[in-house]
Amino acid sequence: MSSVNYTIPFSVDFTSPGDVFIFIYHLVFATCASLLAGSVVLGILCTRALRLQNRFIFMLNTSISDTLTGLSVYYLGLFDVQEGYPSRNSTYYILPSFLGVNIMTFVFAQFDRYLAVAHPFFYKRFITRWFVVACCAFCWLYTYSILAVQSVLPVAQAVKMTAFGIMMLQIIIVVKVLMTIKLYLIARHQLGREAPSPERDSKKESLRLIVFVVICFLSLWCPSFVNIMVRYLSNGGLHFRNEATNVFASMARFNALSTSALYIWGSPALRTAVWSMMWRRVCTPPCHIKTTRVFNIKPAKDRMPSISQNTKDS
């Protein structure tokens, strides 16, 4: 009987220093991205004050996607995987589509910040916490429903559906760019006329953060998007051996690390929650706790009288 070998080879051959660098890079990146984005998820879930704010619900949704993206690099970056048509050891776009969830989530987050600042009375009345949760759930449902339909269609029909998805993605990108410009103008003019207050500072922080995150996301993701468009519309474009050697795909996946870092940098409340809930416990050595307990004990001279004092009293 002939045995079937299901072993998936590594993404590189380890025949040059570049191969070693690519392998180590994806290993380090997967670890850092999953840990950093996962700490943001835990910080928001474990802090009730953050869970009650709509903007942190959107952060939670993208951070869950970023955590899964970081974990997916352990497969996409370390093994010989090629998505698309033709594919090789592919996941039927299940793992790369985590970035698609982020794209839609950012669009909803941008509209959320626009309504919160430009139309506060409408926002407080209609944009509830459960509505935001439903928008985040829709991002996941829509993205993976499209993948489920593509997986059961013939290859020719699936390619046409992919082309339609790319066209819809172009519309989403245009909307994101326009909304980014709109939010920048609001942050620069409208909030500048308001009197200083904690609410104004919160709005300014949230607008600045979403603008920075979206600009960084588009800057890292657009090269991959343009290359995919050129490959589908013509015979040009750059072709790579697998997902690990795809420079554009690696740039797009780097959003899993940069987005979480921008969240922590731009939000002091989130930074405090992440530090207190996770990193303080990880970074604080156990001996520090023991030392603190020892020094909290009162010295012996404070607990019992000295010999000279007993002699004097007698």
Protein backbone atom coordinates (compact mmCIF):
# COMPACT_ATOMS: atom_id res chain seq x y z
CA MET A 1 0.00 0.00 0.00
CA SER A 2 1.27 3.46 -0.87
CA SER A 3 1.28 5.98 1.95
CA VAL A 4 0.06 9.52 1.33
CA ASN A 5 2.28 12.28 2.69
CA TYR A 6 0.27 15.16 4.15
CA THR A 7 3.32 17.06 5.37
CA ILE A 8 3.33 20.73 4.33
CA PRO A 9 6.85 22.01 3.57
CA PHE A 10 8.22 25.18 5.08
CA SER A 11 7.84 28.44 3.21
CA VAL A 12 11.60 28.74 2.54
CA ASP A 13 14.40 26.31 1.75
CA PHE A 14 16.93 27.71 4.28
CA THR A 15 19.57 27.81 1.53
CA SER A 16 20.44 31.48 2.02
CA PRO A 17 20.53 34.05 4.83
CA GLY A 18 17.46 35.70 3.27
CA ASP A 19 15.43 32.52 3.80
CA VAL A 20 16.41 32.43 7.46
CA PHE A 21 15.51 36.10 7.86
CA ILE A 22 12.06 35.59 6.28
CA PHE A 23 11.31 32.63 8.53
CA ILE A 24 12.47 34.38 11.72
CA TYR A 25 10.64 37.57 10.76
CA HIS A 26 7.28 35.79 10.41
CA LEU A 27 7.84 33.87 13.63
CA VAL A 28 8.62 37.02 15.61
CA PHE A 29 5.85 39.00 13.94
CA ALA A 30 3.21 36.35 14.64
CA THR A 31 4.19 36.27 18.32
CA CYS A 32 4.31 40.06 18.76
CA ALA A 33 1.08 40.75 16.84
CA SER A 34 -0.97 38.12 18.63
CA LEU A 35 0.34 39.16 22.07
CA LEU A 36 -0.12 42.91 21.54
CA ALA A 37 -3.56 42.68 19.93
CA GLY A 38 -4.59 40.04 22.46
CA SER A 39 -3.62 42.35 25.32
CA VAL A 40 -5.87 45.04 23.84
CA VAL A 41 -8.73 42.53 23.72
CA LEU A 42 -8.23 41.55 27.36
CA GLY A 43 -7.83 45.18 28.44
CA ILE A 44 -11.18 46.17 26.91
CA LEU A 45 -13.06 43.04 28.00
CA CYS A 46 -11.84 43.31 31.60
CA THR A 47 -12.57 47.05 31.97
CA ARG A 48 -16.26 47.91 32.27
CA ALA A 49 -15.72 51.63 31.66
CA LEU A 50 -14.23 50.84 28.24
CA ARG A 51 -16.87 48.29 27.28
CA LEU A 52 -19.60 50.90 27.75
CA GLN A 53 -18.12 53.22 25.09
CA ASN A 54 -18.96 52.58 21.46
CA ARG A 55 -15.54 53.49 20.11
CA PHE A 56 -13.90 50.81 22.24
CA ILE A 57 -16.35 48.23 20.90
CA PHE A 58 -14.99 48.93 17.42
CA MET A 59 -11.45 48.71 18.82
CA LEU A 60 -12.35 45.36 20.37
CA ASN A 61 -13.64 44.03 17.05
CA THR A 62 -10.53 45.02 15.11
CA SER A 63 -8.26 43.76 17.89
CA ILE A 64 -9.94 40.32 17.81
CA SER A 65 -9.35 40.26 14.06
CA ASP A 66 -5.73 41.39 14.55
CA THR A 67 -5.14 38.68 17.16
CA LEU A 68 -6.38 36.04 14.74
CA THR A 69 -4.29 37.59 11.96
CA GLY A 70 -1.19 37.29 14.12
CA LEU A 71 -1.97 33.67 14.89
CA SER A 72 -2.64 32.96 11.21
CA VAL A 73 0.93 34.00 10.33
CA TYR A 74 2.14 30.87 12.13
CA TYR A 75 0.65 29.02 9.13
CA LEU A 76 0.73 31.54 6.28
CA GLY A 77 4.24 32.77 7.03
CA LEU A 78 5.99 29.60 8.15
CA PHE A 79 4.63 27.08 5.65
CA ASP A 80 4.36 26.88 1.87
CA VAL A 81 0.91 28.37 1.32
CA GLN A 82 -0.45 30.05 -1.80
CA GLU A 83 -3.95 31.55 -1.76
CA GLY A 84 -5.86 32.40 -4.93
CA TYR A 85 -6.19 30.62 -8.25
CA PRO A 86 -4.36 28.29 -8.55
CA SER A 87 -3.91 27.63 -4.84
CA ARG A 88 -1.53 25.48 -2.84
CA ASN A 89 -2.17 24.38 0.74
CA SER A 90 -4.65 27.27 0.89
CA THR A 91 -7.23 28.10 3.54
CA TYR A 92 -9.76 29.29 0.91
CA TYR A 93 -9.04 32.89 1.98
CA ILE A 94 -10.31 32.18 5.51
CA LEU A 95 -7.15 33.45 7.21
CA PRO A 96 -6.38 36.43 4.93
CA SER A 97 -9.99 37.64 5.24
CA PHE A 98 -9.42 38.80 8.81
CA LEU A 99 -8.08 42.00 7.25
CA GLY A 100 -11.33 42.31 5.32
CA VAL A 101 -13.21 42.36 8.61
CA ASN A 102 -11.01 45.27 9.70
CA ILE A 103 -11.71 47.22 6.52
CA MET A 104 -15.47 47.12 7.10
CA THR A 105 -15.11 47.78 10.82
CA PHE A 106 -13.09 50.93 10.15
CA VAL A 107 -15.83 52.22 7.83
CA PHE A 108 -18.47 51.78 10.55
CA ALA A 109 -16.12 53.33 13.13
CA GLN A 110 -15.57 56.37 10.93
CA PHE A 111 -19.31 56.93 10.54
CA ASP A 112 -19.72 56.41 14.28
CA ARG A 113 -17.19 59.15 15.09
CA TYR A 114 -18.70 61.47 12.49
CA LEU A 115 -22.20 61.15 13.98
CA ALA A 116 -20.86 61.46 17.54
CA VAL A 117 -19.19 64.79 16.80
CA ALA A 118 -21.32 66.35 14.05
CA HIS A 119 -24.76 65.13 15.21
CA PRO A 120 -24.50 64.43 18.96
CA PHE A 121 -28.27 64.50 19.69
CA PHE A 122 -29.04 62.00 16.93
CA TYR A 123 -26.09 59.87 18.03
CA LYS A 124 -27.12 59.64 21.69
CA ARG A 125 -30.68 58.74 20.73
CA PHE A 126 -30.19 56.12 18.01
CA ILE A 127 -26.61 54.80 18.08
CA THR A 128 -26.83 52.47 21.05
CA ARG A 129 -24.27 49.98 22.29
CA TRP A 130 -26.20 47.02 20.87
CA PHE A 131 -26.42 48.73 17.49
CA VAL A 132 -22.63 49.00 17.44
CA VAL A 133 -22.31 45.33 18.44
CA ALA A 134 -24.66 44.42 15.58
CA CYS A 135 -22.50 46.41 13.13
CA CYS A 136 -19.39 44.54 14.30
CA ALA A 137 -21.17 41.19 13.95
CA PHE A 138 -22.30 42.16 10.45
CA CYS A 139 -18.65 42.69 9.43
CA TRP A 140 -17.86 39.08 10.29
CA LEU A 141 -21.08 37.68 8.85
CA TYR A 142 -20.78 39.49 5.52
CA THR A 143 -17.09 38.67 4.99
CA TYR A 144 -17.37 34.96 5.65
CA SER A 145 -20.74 34.56 3.97
CA ILE A 146 -19.09 35.70 0.74
CA LEU A 147 -16.33 33.15 1.28
CA ALA A 148 -18.86 30.39 1.93
CA VAL A 149 -20.65 31.15 -1.34
CA GLN A 150 -17.37 31.26 -3.27
CA SER A 151 -16.30 27.88 -1.91
CA VAL A 152 -19.34 26.08 -3.39
CA LEU A 153 -19.27 27.80 -6.80
CA PRO A 154 -17.31 26.51 -9.82
CA VAL A 155 -13.89 28.05 -10.30
CA ALA A 156 -15.00 30.27 -13.20
CA GLN A 157 -17.93 31.67 -11.22
CA ALA A 158 -15.79 32.06 -8.10
CA VAL A 159 -13.25 34.13 -10.07
CA LYS A 160 -16.06 36.40 -11.33
CA MET A 161 -17.36 36.79 -7.79
CA THR A 162 -13.86 37.66 -6.61
CA ALA A 163 -13.65 40.34 -9.28
CA PHE A 164 -17.00 41.72 -8.10
CA GLY A 165 -15.69 41.74 -4.54
CA ILE A 166 -12.64 43.71 -5.65
CA MET A 167 -14.92 46.27 -7.30
CA MET A 168 -16.94 46.62 -4.10
CA LEU A 169 -13.69 46.95 -2.20
CA GLN A 170 -12.73 49.89 -4.39
CA ILE A 171 -15.94 51.64 -3.37
CA ILE A 172 -15.20 50.97 0.30
CA ILE A 173 -11.67 52.36 -0.09
CA VAL A 174 -13.01 55.55 -1.70
CA VAL A 175 -15.53 55.94 1.15
CA LYS A 176 -12.78 55.43 3.72
CA VAL A 177 -10.60 58.10 2.13
CA LEU A 178 -13.46 60.62 1.95
CA MET A 179 -14.49 59.92 5.53
CA THR A 180 -10.90 60.31 6.70
CA ILE A 181 -10.71 63.75 5.09
CA LYS A 182 -14.09 64.69 6.59
CA LEU A 183 -13.07 63.60 10.08
CA TYR A 184 -9.81 65.53 9.81
CA LEU A 185 -11.67 68.71 8.89
CA ILE A 186 -14.11 68.21 11.77
CA ALA A 187 -11.29 67.67 14.24
CA ARG A 188 -9.50 70.77 12.98
CA HIS A 189 -12.38 73.25 12.79
CA GLN A 190 -15.49 72.18 14.70
CA LEU A 191 -13.80 70.89 17.85
CA GLY A 192 -11.49 73.90 17.85
CA ARG A 193 -14.45 76.19 18.45
CA GLU A 194 -15.81 74.24 21.43
CA ALA A 195 -14.98 75.20 24.99
CA PRO A 196 -12.41 73.00 26.76
CA SER A 197 -14.12 70.11 28.55
CA PRO A 198 -13.57 66.40 29.19
CA GLU A 199 -16.15 65.53 26.51
CA ARG A 200 -14.34 67.70 23.95
CA ASP A 201 -11.01 66.07 24.80
CA SER A 202 -12.57 62.61 24.42
CA LYS A 203 -14.02 63.48 21.01
CA LYS A 204 -10.73 64.97 19.86
CA GLU A 205 -8.81 61.91 21.03
CA SER A 206 -11.18 59.50 19.30
CA LEU A 207 -11.16 61.45 16.02
CA ARG A 208 -7.39 61.78 15.97
CA LEU A 209 -6.96 58.10 16.73
CA ILE A 210 -9.33 56.82 14.03
CA VAL A 211 -7.74 59.14 11.44
CA PHE A 212 -4.22 57.92 12.26
CA VAL A 213 -5.27 54.28 12.30
CA VAL A 214 -7.08 54.48 8.95
CA ILE A 215 -4.21 56.34 7.26
CA CYS A 216 -1.73 53.76 8.52
CA PHE A 217 -4.03 50.90 7.48
CA LEU A 218 -4.49 52.23 3.94
CA SER A 219 -0.78 52.98 3.53
CA LEU A 220 0.18 49.41 4.40
CA TRP A 221 -2.70 47.68 2.63
CA CYS A 222 -3.01 49.63 -0.65
CA PRO A 223 0.15 48.19 -2.33
CA SER A 224 -1.28 44.68 -1.99
CA PHE A 225 -4.66 45.88 -3.22
CA VAL A 226 -3.16 47.55 -6.31
CA ASN A 227 -1.09 44.46 -7.15
CA ILE A 228 -4.18 42.23 -6.89
CA MET A 229 -6.13 44.56 -9.17
CA VAL A 230 -3.35 44.59 -11.79
CA ARG A 231 -3.12 40.80 -11.71
CA TYR A 232 -6.87 40.36 -12.19
CA LEU A 233 -7.25 43.01 -14.89
CA SER A 234 -4.13 42.15 -16.90
CA ASN A 235 -1.29 39.70 -17.14
CA GLY A 236 1.01 42.06 -15.25
CA GLY A 237 1.58 42.48 -11.56
CA LEU A 238 4.08 40.81 -9.31
CA HIS A 239 3.84 37.09 -8.61
CA PHE A 240 5.38 35.53 -5.52
CA ARG A 241 6.29 31.97 -4.66
CA ASN A 242 4.02 31.83 -1.61
CA GLU A 243 2.40 34.01 1.04
CA ALA A 244 5.59 34.22 3.10
CA THR A 245 7.61 35.76 0.28
CA ASN A 246 4.76 38.08 -0.76
CA VAL A 247 6.07 41.46 0.37
CA PHE A 248 2.73 43.22 -0.22
CA ALA A 249 0.80 40.65 1.81
CA SER A 250 3.34 40.99 4.64
CA MET A 251 2.85 44.77 4.58
CA ALA A 252 -0.92 44.33 4.81
CA ARG A 253 -0.61 41.88 7.71
CA PHE A 254 1.65 44.33 9.54
CA ASN A 255 -1.55 46.26 10.33
CA ALA A 256 -2.25 43.63 12.98
CA LEU A 257 0.71 45.05 14.92
CA SER A 258 0.54 48.74 14.01
CA THR A 259 -3.19 49.13 14.71
CA SER A 260 -2.92 47.75 18.24
CA ALA A 261 0.16 49.88 18.90
CA LEU A 262 -1.69 53.01 17.74
CA TYR A 263 -4.65 52.14 19.97
CA ILE A 264 -2.42 51.89 23.02
CA TRP A 265 -0.45 55.01 22.09
CA GLY A 266 -3.48 57.18 21.36
CA SER A 267 -5.76 56.23 24.24
CA PRO A 268 -4.48 56.76 27.82
CA ALA A 269 -7.48 54.89 29.25
CA LEU A 270 -6.77 51.84 27.11
CA ARG A 271 -3.06 52.06 27.88
CA THR A 272 -3.79 51.99 31.61
CA ALA A 273 -6.19 49.07 31.23
CA VAL A 274 -3.75 47.01 29.15
CA TRP A 275 -0.92 47.66 31.59
CA SER A 276 -2.93 46.87 34.73
CA MET A 277 -4.76 43.84 33.33
CA MET A 278 -1.89 42.07 31.61
CA TRP A 279 1.57 43.53 31.22
CA ARG A 280 2.05 44.60 34.85
CA ARG A 281 1.43 41.04 35.97
CA VAL A 282 3.75 39.68 33.29
CA CYS A 283 6.57 42.20 33.76
CA THR A 284 6.53 42.33 37.58
CA PRO A 285 8.83 39.61 38.94
CA PRO A 286 7.51 37.41 41.78
CA CYS A 287 10.46 38.41 44.01
CA HIS A 288 9.15 41.99 43.99
CA ILE A 289 5.96 40.81 45.66
CA LYS A 290 7.90 38.87 48.28
CA THR A 291 10.17 41.83 48.98
CA THR A 292 7.17 44.11 49.39
CA ARG A 293 5.63 41.76 51.90
CA VAL A 294 8.86 41.59 53.90
CA PHE A 295 9.27 45.34 54.08
CA ASN A 296 5.66 45.77 55.15
CA ILE A 297 6.44 43.91 58.40
CA LYS A 298 7.17 46.24 61.27
CA PRO A 299 10.75 46.18 62.58
CA ALA A 300 11.47 44.40 65.85
CA LYS A 301 12.25 47.62 67.71
CA ASP A 302 8.75 48.86 66.96
CA ARG A 303 7.10 45.70 68.25
CA MET A 304 8.94 45.21 71.56
CA PRO A 305 10.72 47.55 73.96
CA SER A 306 14.47 47.60 73.99
CA ILE A 307 16.61 46.30 76.87
CA SER A 308 17.76 49.76 77.84
CA GLN A 309 14.17 50.97 78.02
CA ASN A 310 13.22 48.05 80.28
CA THR A 311 16.11 48.87 82.58
CA LYS A 312 15.18 52.53 82.69
CA ASP A 313 11.53 51.76 83.45
CA SER A 314 12.47 49.37 86.24
